[in-house]
Amino acid sequence: MTDKKSIQHTHDHELTHSMVHYLLTIHKLKEKNGYARVTDIAREMHLTKGSVSTAVNNLQKRDLVIEDESKFLSLSPQGHKEVHAILSSRTLLFYFLKDFVGVSEDAAHKDSCLMEHLLSEETREKFFRFMKQMSSDPKSLSVDTTLNLSKYNSSDEFLESQTGDTYLGKMDE
């Protein structure tokens, strides 16, 4: 049985939905361009540079974002860890809602985006195991999904592999 005190949700660290979008945008820009600046984040998120600067300062105080002497932003090791956890949760939630529950792709995208940062590590692990079993075990009620979890030995391996998914490009709401 899990000790209730050991269950950590992202919101336990006071990471808001908005902060998650900043982290994901920094990650996306770094992957796409090799760099992220306040200007780039503002353009990508359709916000003012002042709003982005305030949010980035808040993320720096939480040791999630690092700014170098040239004003280029990157995720700290903890920020990178948070992004991988968020992407893993979002990916699992998206495919669970779309392929297992049967909601529309649009609803699955919106709902997974709203829930991604609220899942505990334990729930993410259980989702992974359940979805892997349901989609790959011929004895189970096999589910037709495009998410191939059978190539991962563990949820940690899945978490580390997360860079996003094709639908994750829609991070502008």
N, C-alpha and C. Protein backbone atom coordinates (compact mmCIF):
# COMPACT_ATOMS: atom_id res chain seq x y z
N MET A 1 0.85 -1.18 0.00
CA MET A 1 0.00 0.00 0.00
C MET A 1 0.89 1.25 0.00
N THR A 2 0.48 2.25 -0.74
CA THR A 2 1.26 3.47 -0.87
C THR A 2 1.00 4.40 0.31
N ASP A 3 2.06 4.97 0.84
CA ASP A 3 1.95 5.96 1.91
C ASP A 3 1.38 7.24 1.31
N LYS A 4 0.27 7.73 1.84
CA LYS A 4 -0.40 8.90 1.27
C LYS A 4 0.50 10.13 1.23
N LYS A 5 1.43 10.22 2.16
CA LYS A 5 2.32 11.38 2.16
C LYS A 5 3.30 11.35 1.00
N SER A 6 3.55 10.16 0.42
CA SER A 6 4.51 10.07 -0.67
C SER A 6 3.89 10.40 -2.03
N ILE A 7 2.56 10.48 -2.11
CA ILE A 7 1.90 10.80 -3.37
C ILE A 7 2.10 12.27 -3.67
N GLN A 8 2.74 12.55 -4.80
CA GLN A 8 3.03 13.92 -5.19
C GLN A 8 2.29 14.25 -6.48
N HIS A 9 1.49 15.25 -6.46
CA HIS A 9 0.86 15.79 -7.65
C HIS A 9 1.63 17.05 -8.03
N THR A 10 1.60 17.37 -9.31
CA THR A 10 2.28 18.58 -9.74
C THR A 10 1.72 19.79 -9.01
N HIS A 11 0.39 19.80 -8.76
CA HIS A 11 -0.18 20.97 -8.08
C HIS A 11 0.29 21.07 -6.64
N ASP A 12 0.86 19.98 -6.08
CA ASP A 12 1.44 20.07 -4.75
C ASP A 12 2.63 21.03 -4.75
N HIS A 13 3.20 21.22 -5.92
CA HIS A 13 4.34 22.13 -6.07
C HIS A 13 3.87 23.49 -6.58
N GLU A 14 2.55 23.70 -6.60
CA GLU A 14 1.94 24.94 -7.03
C GLU A 14 2.29 25.32 -8.46
N LEU A 15 2.40 24.34 -9.33
CA LEU A 15 2.63 24.58 -10.74
C LEU A 15 1.28 24.69 -11.41
N THR A 16 0.96 25.87 -11.91
CA THR A 16 -0.36 26.12 -12.49
C THR A 16 -0.41 25.66 -13.94
N HIS A 17 -1.63 25.62 -14.45
CA HIS A 17 -1.85 25.27 -15.86
C HIS A 17 -1.06 26.23 -16.76
N SER A 18 -1.08 27.50 -16.42
CA SER A 18 -0.35 28.51 -17.19
C SER A 18 1.16 28.25 -17.17
N MET A 19 1.69 27.94 -15.99
CA MET A 19 3.13 27.66 -15.88
C MET A 19 3.52 26.46 -16.74
N VAL A 20 2.65 25.47 -16.75
CA VAL A 20 2.90 24.28 -17.57
C VAL A 20 3.04 24.67 -19.03
N HIS A 21 2.16 25.56 -19.50
CA HIS A 21 2.24 25.99 -20.90
C HIS A 21 3.55 26.74 -21.19
N TYR A 22 4.02 27.51 -20.25
CA TYR A 22 5.31 28.18 -20.44
C TYR A 22 6.43 27.15 -20.54
N LEU A 23 6.43 26.18 -19.64
CA LEU A 23 7.47 25.14 -19.68
C LEU A 23 7.43 24.36 -20.98
N LEU A 24 6.23 23.99 -21.40
CA LEU A 24 6.09 23.24 -22.65
C LEU A 24 6.51 24.08 -23.86
N THR A 25 6.21 25.36 -23.82
CA THR A 25 6.59 26.25 -24.93
C THR A 25 8.11 26.41 -24.98
N ILE A 26 8.75 26.57 -23.85
CA ILE A 26 10.22 26.66 -23.82
C ILE A 26 10.81 25.37 -24.37
N HIS A 27 10.28 24.26 -23.92
CA HIS A 27 10.75 22.96 -24.41
C HIS A 27 10.56 22.84 -25.92
N LYS A 28 9.39 23.20 -26.40
CA LYS A 28 9.08 23.11 -27.83
C LYS A 28 10.01 24.00 -28.66
N LEU A 29 10.22 25.24 -28.21
CA LEU A 29 11.10 26.16 -28.94
C LEU A 29 12.54 25.68 -28.95
N LYS A 30 13.01 25.16 -27.82
CA LYS A 30 14.38 24.63 -27.75
C LYS A 30 14.55 23.45 -28.72
N GLU A 31 13.54 22.58 -28.77
CA GLU A 31 13.60 21.42 -29.67
C GLU A 31 13.56 21.87 -31.13
N LYS A 32 12.73 22.85 -31.43
CA LYS A 32 12.51 23.30 -32.80
C LYS A 32 13.63 24.22 -33.31
N ASN A 33 14.02 25.20 -32.48
CA ASN A 33 14.97 26.23 -32.93
C ASN A 33 16.36 26.11 -32.32
N GLY A 34 16.47 25.36 -31.23
CA GLY A 34 17.74 25.28 -30.52
C GLY A 34 17.89 26.36 -29.46
N TYR A 35 16.89 27.24 -29.36
CA TYR A 35 16.93 28.30 -28.35
C TYR A 35 15.51 28.76 -28.06
N ALA A 36 15.36 29.46 -26.95
CA ALA A 36 14.08 30.07 -26.58
C ALA A 36 14.40 31.40 -25.90
N ARG A 37 13.73 32.45 -26.34
CA ARG A 37 13.86 33.77 -25.74
C ARG A 37 12.47 34.25 -25.34
N VAL A 38 12.42 35.25 -24.49
CA VAL A 38 11.14 35.82 -24.07
C VAL A 38 10.33 36.23 -25.29
N THR A 39 10.97 36.86 -26.26
CA THR A 39 10.30 37.30 -27.49
C THR A 39 9.67 36.12 -28.22
N ASP A 40 10.41 35.02 -28.32
CA ASP A 40 9.90 33.83 -29.03
C ASP A 40 8.71 33.22 -28.29
N ILE A 41 8.80 33.17 -26.98
CA ILE A 41 7.72 32.62 -26.17
C ILE A 41 6.47 33.49 -26.32
N ALA A 42 6.66 34.81 -26.25
CA ALA A 42 5.53 35.73 -26.40
C ALA A 42 4.85 35.54 -27.75
N ARG A 43 5.63 35.42 -28.80
CA ARG A 43 5.08 35.23 -30.15
C ARG A 43 4.33 33.89 -30.22
N GLU A 44 4.95 32.84 -29.72
CA GLU A 44 4.37 31.49 -29.77
C GLU A 44 3.06 31.40 -28.98
N MET A 45 3.02 32.08 -27.84
CA MET A 45 1.84 31.99 -26.96
C MET A 45 0.86 33.14 -27.16
N HIS A 46 1.18 34.07 -28.06
CA HIS A 46 0.31 35.22 -28.34
C HIS A 46 0.10 36.06 -27.09
N LEU A 47 1.20 36.36 -26.40
CA LEU A 47 1.18 37.16 -25.18
C LEU A 47 2.15 38.32 -25.31
N THR A 48 2.09 39.25 -24.35
CA THR A 48 3.05 40.35 -24.35
C THR A 48 4.37 39.88 -23.75
N LYS A 49 5.44 40.56 -24.15
CA LYS A 49 6.76 40.22 -23.59
C LYS A 49 6.78 40.46 -22.08
N GLY A 50 6.06 41.48 -21.61
CA GLY A 50 6.00 41.75 -20.18
C GLY A 50 5.37 40.61 -19.39
N SER A 51 4.28 40.07 -19.92
CA SER A 51 3.63 38.93 -19.26
C SER A 51 4.55 37.72 -19.22
N VAL A 52 5.24 37.49 -20.33
CA VAL A 52 6.15 36.35 -20.41
C VAL A 52 7.32 36.54 -19.45
N SER A 53 7.86 37.75 -19.39
CA SER A 53 8.98 38.03 -18.48
C SER A 53 8.60 37.75 -17.03
N THR A 54 7.41 38.18 -16.65
CA THR A 54 6.94 37.94 -15.29
C THR A 54 6.83 36.44 -15.01
N ALA A 55 6.24 35.72 -15.94
CA ALA A 55 6.08 34.27 -15.76
C ALA A 55 7.44 33.56 -15.73
N VAL A 56 8.35 33.96 -16.61
CA VAL A 56 9.67 33.34 -16.66
C VAL A 56 10.43 33.60 -15.35
N ASN A 57 10.32 34.82 -14.83
CA ASN A 57 10.96 35.12 -13.54
C ASN A 57 10.43 34.21 -12.44
N ASN A 58 9.13 33.99 -12.45
CA ASN A 58 8.51 33.10 -11.47
C ASN A 58 9.03 31.67 -11.63
N LEU A 59 9.18 31.22 -12.86
CA LEU A 59 9.70 29.87 -13.11
C LEU A 59 11.18 29.76 -12.74
N GLN A 60 11.92 30.85 -12.90
CA GLN A 60 13.33 30.86 -12.49
C GLN A 60 13.43 30.76 -10.96
N LYS A 61 12.57 31.45 -10.25
CA LYS A 61 12.57 31.39 -8.78
C LYS A 61 12.28 29.99 -8.28
N ARG A 62 11.55 29.22 -9.07
CA ARG A 62 11.22 27.83 -8.72
C ARG A 62 12.28 26.85 -9.24
N ASP A 63 13.35 27.38 -9.80
CA ASP A 63 14.44 26.57 -10.35
C ASP A 63 13.98 25.63 -11.46
N LEU A 64 13.04 26.10 -12.28
CA LEU A 64 12.56 25.29 -13.41
C LEU A 64 13.10 25.79 -14.74
N VAL A 65 13.52 27.06 -14.77
CA VAL A 65 14.03 27.68 -15.99
C VAL A 65 15.34 28.39 -15.67
N ILE A 66 16.26 28.31 -16.63
CA ILE A 66 17.58 28.94 -16.51
C ILE A 66 17.73 29.93 -17.65
N GLU A 67 18.29 31.10 -17.34
CA GLU A 67 18.58 32.10 -18.37
C GLU A 67 20.09 32.31 -18.42
N ASP A 68 20.68 32.23 -19.62
CA ASP A 68 22.12 32.44 -19.72
C ASP A 68 22.43 33.92 -19.95
N GLU A 69 23.70 34.25 -20.05
CA GLU A 69 24.12 35.66 -20.18
C GLU A 69 23.63 36.31 -21.47
N SER A 70 23.28 35.50 -22.47
CA SER A 70 22.74 36.03 -23.73
C SER A 70 21.22 36.10 -23.76
N LYS A 71 20.60 35.86 -22.59
CA LYS A 71 19.14 35.91 -22.43
C LYS A 71 18.41 34.73 -23.09
N PHE A 72 19.16 33.64 -23.38
CA PHE A 72 18.53 32.43 -23.89
C PHE A 72 18.03 31.61 -22.71
N LEU A 73 16.85 31.08 -22.87
CA LEU A 73 16.21 30.32 -21.80
C LEU A 73 16.30 28.83 -22.07
N SER A 74 16.44 28.08 -21.01
CA SER A 74 16.37 26.63 -21.11
C SER A 74 15.76 26.09 -19.83
N LEU A 75 15.36 24.85 -19.89
CA LEU A 75 14.80 24.21 -18.71
C LEU A 75 15.93 23.72 -17.82
N SER A 76 15.76 23.87 -16.53
CA SER A 76 16.70 23.30 -15.58
C SER A 76 16.48 21.78 -15.57
N PRO A 77 17.37 21.02 -14.94
CA PRO A 77 17.11 19.58 -14.84
C PRO A 77 15.72 19.28 -14.23
N GLN A 78 15.32 20.04 -13.21
CA GLN A 78 13.99 19.84 -12.61
C GLN A 78 12.89 20.25 -13.58
N GLY A 79 13.09 21.33 -14.32
CA GLY A 79 12.12 21.77 -15.32
C GLY A 79 11.96 20.73 -16.41
N HIS A 80 13.09 20.15 -16.83
CA HIS A 80 13.05 19.11 -17.86
C HIS A 80 12.30 17.88 -17.34
N LYS A 81 12.54 17.52 -16.10
CA LYS A 81 11.86 16.39 -15.48
C LYS A 81 10.35 16.64 -15.44
N GLU A 82 9.94 17.85 -15.07
CA GLU A 82 8.52 18.20 -15.03
C GLU A 82 7.89 18.10 -16.42
N VAL A 83 8.60 18.60 -17.44
CA VAL A 83 8.07 18.55 -18.80
C VAL A 83 7.87 17.11 -19.26
N HIS A 84 8.83 16.24 -18.99
CA HIS A 84 8.68 14.84 -19.38
C HIS A 84 7.49 14.20 -18.66
N ALA A 85 7.30 14.51 -17.40
CA ALA A 85 6.16 13.97 -16.65
C ALA A 85 4.85 14.50 -17.23
N ILE A 86 4.80 15.78 -17.54
CA ILE A 86 3.60 16.39 -18.11
C ILE A 86 3.29 15.80 -19.48
N LEU A 87 4.32 15.67 -20.33
CA LEU A 87 4.10 15.10 -21.65
C LEU A 87 3.65 13.64 -21.56
N SER A 88 4.21 12.90 -20.63
CA SER A 88 3.79 11.51 -20.44
C SER A 88 2.34 11.44 -20.02
N SER A 89 1.98 12.26 -19.04
CA SER A 89 0.59 12.28 -18.57
C SER A 89 -0.35 12.71 -19.69
N ARG A 90 0.02 13.74 -20.42
CA ARG A 90 -0.85 14.23 -21.49
C ARG A 90 -1.02 13.17 -22.57
N THR A 91 0.07 12.53 -22.95
CA THR A 91 0.00 11.51 -23.99
C THR A 91 -0.90 10.35 -23.55
N LEU A 92 -0.68 9.86 -22.35
CA LEU A 92 -1.51 8.76 -21.85
C LEU A 92 -2.97 9.17 -21.75
N LEU A 93 -3.24 10.35 -21.21
CA LEU A 93 -4.61 10.82 -21.08
C LEU A 93 -5.28 11.01 -22.44
N PHE A 94 -4.55 11.59 -23.39
CA PHE A 94 -5.10 11.82 -24.72
C PHE A 94 -5.55 10.50 -25.34
N TYR A 95 -4.64 9.52 -25.37
CA TYR A 95 -4.98 8.25 -26.00
C TYR A 95 -6.01 7.46 -25.20
N PHE A 96 -5.98 7.57 -23.89
CA PHE A 96 -6.99 6.90 -23.08
C PHE A 96 -8.37 7.46 -23.42
N LEU A 97 -8.50 8.76 -23.42
CA LEU A 97 -9.79 9.39 -23.70
C LEU A 97 -10.25 9.11 -25.13
N LYS A 98 -9.34 9.22 -26.08
CA LYS A 98 -9.69 9.04 -27.50
C LYS A 98 -9.94 7.58 -27.84
N ASP A 99 -9.00 6.70 -27.50
CA ASP A 99 -9.06 5.32 -27.96
C ASP A 99 -9.78 4.37 -27.00
N PHE A 100 -9.71 4.61 -25.71
CA PHE A 100 -10.32 3.71 -24.74
C PHE A 100 -11.73 4.15 -24.38
N VAL A 101 -11.93 5.47 -24.21
CA VAL A 101 -13.23 5.99 -23.81
C VAL A 101 -14.08 6.33 -25.05
N GLY A 102 -13.42 6.76 -26.12
CA GLY A 102 -14.12 7.03 -27.36
C GLY A 102 -14.57 8.46 -27.57
N VAL A 103 -13.98 9.40 -26.84
CA VAL A 103 -14.34 10.80 -27.07
C VAL A 103 -13.66 11.30 -28.35
N SER A 104 -14.12 12.41 -28.87
CA SER A 104 -13.54 12.96 -30.09
C SER A 104 -12.09 13.37 -29.84
N GLU A 105 -11.32 13.45 -30.91
CA GLU A 105 -9.92 13.86 -30.79
C GLU A 105 -9.81 15.25 -30.20
N ASP A 106 -10.71 16.15 -30.60
CA ASP A 106 -10.69 17.51 -30.07
C ASP A 106 -10.95 17.53 -28.57
N ALA A 107 -11.96 16.78 -28.13
CA ALA A 107 -12.27 16.71 -26.69
C ALA A 107 -11.11 16.06 -25.93
N ALA A 108 -10.53 15.01 -26.50
CA ALA A 108 -9.41 14.32 -25.85
C ALA A 108 -8.22 15.27 -25.70
N HIS A 109 -7.97 16.07 -26.72
CA HIS A 109 -6.87 17.03 -26.65
C HIS A 109 -7.12 18.06 -25.55
N LYS A 110 -8.30 18.67 -25.57
CA LYS A 110 -8.60 19.71 -24.59
C LYS A 110 -8.60 19.17 -23.16
N ASP A 111 -9.23 18.02 -22.97
CA ASP A 111 -9.31 17.46 -21.62
C ASP A 111 -7.97 16.98 -21.11
N SER A 112 -7.16 16.36 -21.98
CA SER A 112 -5.84 15.90 -21.54
C SER A 112 -4.95 17.09 -21.18
N CYS A 113 -5.13 18.19 -21.90
CA CYS A 113 -4.38 19.40 -21.61
C CYS A 113 -4.77 19.96 -20.24
N LEU A 114 -6.03 19.89 -19.90
CA LEU A 114 -6.48 20.40 -18.60
C LEU A 114 -6.05 19.52 -17.43
N MET A 115 -5.92 18.22 -17.68
CA MET A 115 -5.62 17.28 -16.60
C MET A 115 -4.15 16.91 -16.46
N GLU A 116 -3.34 17.16 -17.49
CA GLU A 116 -1.97 16.64 -17.57
C GLU A 116 -1.11 16.90 -16.34
N HIS A 117 -1.21 18.07 -15.76
CA HIS A 117 -0.33 18.43 -14.65
C HIS A 117 -0.90 18.07 -13.29
N LEU A 118 -2.08 17.44 -13.28
CA LEU A 118 -2.71 17.10 -12.02
C LEU A 118 -2.50 15.65 -11.60
N LEU A 119 -2.01 14.82 -12.51
CA LEU A 119 -1.83 13.40 -12.20
C LEU A 119 -0.64 13.15 -11.29
N SER A 120 -0.83 12.25 -10.37
CA SER A 120 0.30 11.83 -9.53
C SER A 120 1.16 10.84 -10.32
N GLU A 121 2.36 10.64 -9.86
CA GLU A 121 3.25 9.66 -10.47
C GLU A 121 2.61 8.27 -10.41
N GLU A 122 1.97 7.97 -9.29
CA GLU A 122 1.32 6.66 -9.13
C GLU A 122 0.23 6.46 -10.17
N THR A 123 -0.62 7.47 -10.38
CA THR A 123 -1.70 7.35 -11.36
C THR A 123 -1.14 7.22 -12.77
N ARG A 124 -0.11 7.99 -13.09
CA ARG A 124 0.51 7.90 -14.41
C ARG A 124 1.06 6.49 -14.64
N GLU A 125 1.70 5.92 -13.63
CA GLU A 125 2.24 4.56 -13.70
C GLU A 125 1.12 3.55 -13.94
N LYS A 126 0.00 3.69 -13.20
CA LYS A 126 -1.12 2.76 -13.34
C LYS A 126 -1.79 2.91 -14.69
N PHE A 127 -1.93 4.13 -15.18
CA PHE A 127 -2.47 4.35 -16.52
C PHE A 127 -1.60 3.64 -17.55
N PHE A 128 -0.30 3.83 -17.45
CA PHE A 128 0.62 3.19 -18.38
C PHE A 128 0.42 1.68 -18.39
N ARG A 129 0.46 1.07 -17.21
CA ARG A 129 0.34 -0.40 -17.13
C ARG A 129 -1.01 -0.88 -17.64
N PHE A 130 -2.08 -0.20 -17.26
CA PHE A 130 -3.42 -0.59 -17.70
C PHE A 130 -3.53 -0.48 -19.23
N MET A 131 -3.11 0.64 -19.78
CA MET A 131 -3.22 0.85 -21.22
C MET A 131 -2.33 -0.11 -22.00
N LYS A 132 -1.15 -0.37 -21.48
CA LYS A 132 -0.25 -1.32 -22.14
C LYS A 132 -0.88 -2.71 -22.18
N GLN A 133 -1.41 -3.14 -21.05
CA GLN A 133 -2.04 -4.46 -20.98
C GLN A 133 -3.26 -4.53 -21.90
N MET A 134 -4.11 -3.52 -21.85
CA MET A 134 -5.34 -3.53 -22.65
C MET A 134 -5.07 -3.48 -24.15
N SER A 135 -3.98 -2.84 -24.54
CA SER A 135 -3.71 -2.71 -25.97
C SER A 135 -2.83 -3.82 -26.53
N SER A 136 -2.23 -4.64 -25.67
CA SER A 136 -1.31 -5.65 -26.20
C SER A 136 -1.61 -7.08 -25.77
N ASP A 137 -2.45 -7.28 -24.78
CA ASP A 137 -2.76 -8.62 -24.29
C ASP A 137 -3.96 -9.19 -25.04
N PRO A 138 -3.75 -10.26 -25.82
CA PRO A 138 -4.87 -10.83 -26.58
C PRO A 138 -5.99 -11.38 -25.70
N LYS A 139 -5.71 -11.66 -24.42
CA LYS A 139 -6.72 -12.19 -23.51
C LYS A 139 -7.62 -11.08 -22.95
N SER A 140 -7.14 -9.84 -23.04
CA SER A 140 -7.93 -8.73 -22.50
C SER A 140 -8.90 -8.23 -23.56
N LEU A 141 -9.71 -7.29 -23.17
CA LEU A 141 -10.57 -6.62 -24.15
C LEU A 141 -9.67 -5.71 -24.97
N SER A 142 -9.08 -6.25 -26.00
CA SER A 142 -8.11 -5.53 -26.80
C SER A 142 -8.67 -4.21 -27.29
N VAL A 143 -7.88 -3.18 -27.17
CA VAL A 143 -8.28 -1.84 -27.58
C VAL A 143 -7.41 -1.43 -28.76
N ASP A 144 -8.03 -0.88 -29.78
CA ASP A 144 -7.31 -0.42 -30.96
C ASP A 144 -6.83 1.01 -30.70
N THR A 145 -5.52 1.15 -30.53
CA THR A 145 -4.94 2.47 -30.28
C THR A 145 -3.67 2.63 -31.10
N THR A 146 -3.37 3.85 -31.48
CA THR A 146 -2.15 4.13 -32.23
C THR A 146 -0.96 4.38 -31.30
N LEU A 147 -1.20 4.40 -30.01
CA LEU A 147 -0.12 4.57 -29.04
C LEU A 147 0.47 3.20 -28.74
N ASN A 148 1.71 2.99 -29.15
CA ASN A 148 2.37 1.69 -28.98
C ASN A 148 3.17 1.67 -27.69
N LEU A 149 2.55 1.16 -26.63
CA LEU A 149 3.22 1.07 -25.34
C LEU A 149 4.02 -0.22 -25.19
N SER A 150 3.80 -1.17 -26.08
CA SER A 150 4.48 -2.47 -25.95
C SER A 150 5.99 -2.35 -26.11
N LYS A 151 6.47 -1.28 -26.71
CA LYS A 151 7.92 -1.13 -26.89
C LYS A 151 8.63 -0.62 -25.64
N TYR A 152 7.88 -0.28 -24.60
CA TYR A 152 8.46 0.22 -23.36
C TYR A 152 8.38 -0.85 -22.29
N ASN A 153 9.47 -1.03 -21.57
CA ASN A 153 9.52 -2.00 -20.49
C ASN A 153 8.91 -1.47 -19.20
N SER A 154 8.86 -0.16 -19.07
CA SER A 154 8.35 0.44 -17.84
C SER A 154 7.79 1.82 -18.13
N SER A 155 7.02 2.34 -17.17
CA SER A 155 6.51 3.69 -17.34
C SER A 155 7.64 4.71 -17.25
N ASP A 156 8.69 4.41 -16.49
CA ASP A 156 9.85 5.31 -16.43
C ASP A 156 10.51 5.43 -17.81
N GLU A 157 10.62 4.31 -18.51
CA GLU A 157 11.20 4.33 -19.85
C GLU A 157 10.31 5.15 -20.79
N PHE A 158 9.00 4.99 -20.66
CA PHE A 158 8.05 5.78 -21.44
C PHE A 158 8.21 7.26 -21.11
N LEU A 159 8.28 7.59 -19.82
CA LEU A 159 8.43 8.97 -19.37
C LEU A 159 9.68 9.61 -19.97
N GLU A 160 10.80 8.91 -19.92
CA GLU A 160 12.06 9.45 -20.44
C GLU A 160 12.04 9.67 -21.94
N SER A 161 11.20 8.91 -22.66
CA SER A 161 11.17 9.01 -24.12
C SER A 161 10.30 10.15 -24.62
N GLN A 162 9.56 10.80 -23.74
CA GLN A 162 8.56 11.77 -24.18
C GLN A 162 9.18 13.05 -24.71
N THR A 163 8.88 13.32 -25.97
CA THR A 163 9.20 14.61 -26.57
C THR A 163 7.92 15.27 -27.05
N GLY A 164 6.82 14.55 -26.94
CA GLY A 164 5.54 15.06 -27.40
C GLY A 164 4.93 14.07 -28.36
N ASP A 165 3.88 14.49 -29.02
CA ASP A 165 3.20 13.67 -29.99
C ASP A 165 2.63 14.64 -31.02
N THR A 166 2.22 14.13 -32.14
CA THR A 166 1.78 15.03 -33.21
C THR A 166 0.69 15.98 -32.75
N TYR A 167 -0.23 15.53 -31.96
CA TYR A 167 -1.32 16.41 -31.52
C TYR A 167 -0.84 17.43 -30.50
N LEU A 168 0.34 17.24 -29.90
CA LEU A 168 0.83 18.17 -28.88
C LEU A 168 1.29 19.49 -29.47
N GLY A 169 1.35 19.60 -30.78
CA GLY A 169 1.69 20.86 -31.41
C GLY A 169 0.62 21.91 -31.19
N LYS A 170 -0.57 21.52 -30.75
CA LYS A 170 -1.70 22.42 -30.55
C LYS A 170 -1.68 23.02 -29.15
N MET A 171 -0.57 23.62 -28.75
CA MET A 171 -0.44 24.11 -27.37
C MET A 171 -0.77 25.60 -27.27
N ASP A 172 -1.72 26.08 -28.04
CA ASP A 172 -1.95 27.52 -28.04
C ASP A 172 -3.23 27.94 -27.33
N GLU A 173 -3.90 27.03 -26.62
CA GLU A 173 -5.08 27.51 -25.90
C GLU A 173 -4.73 27.97 -24.53
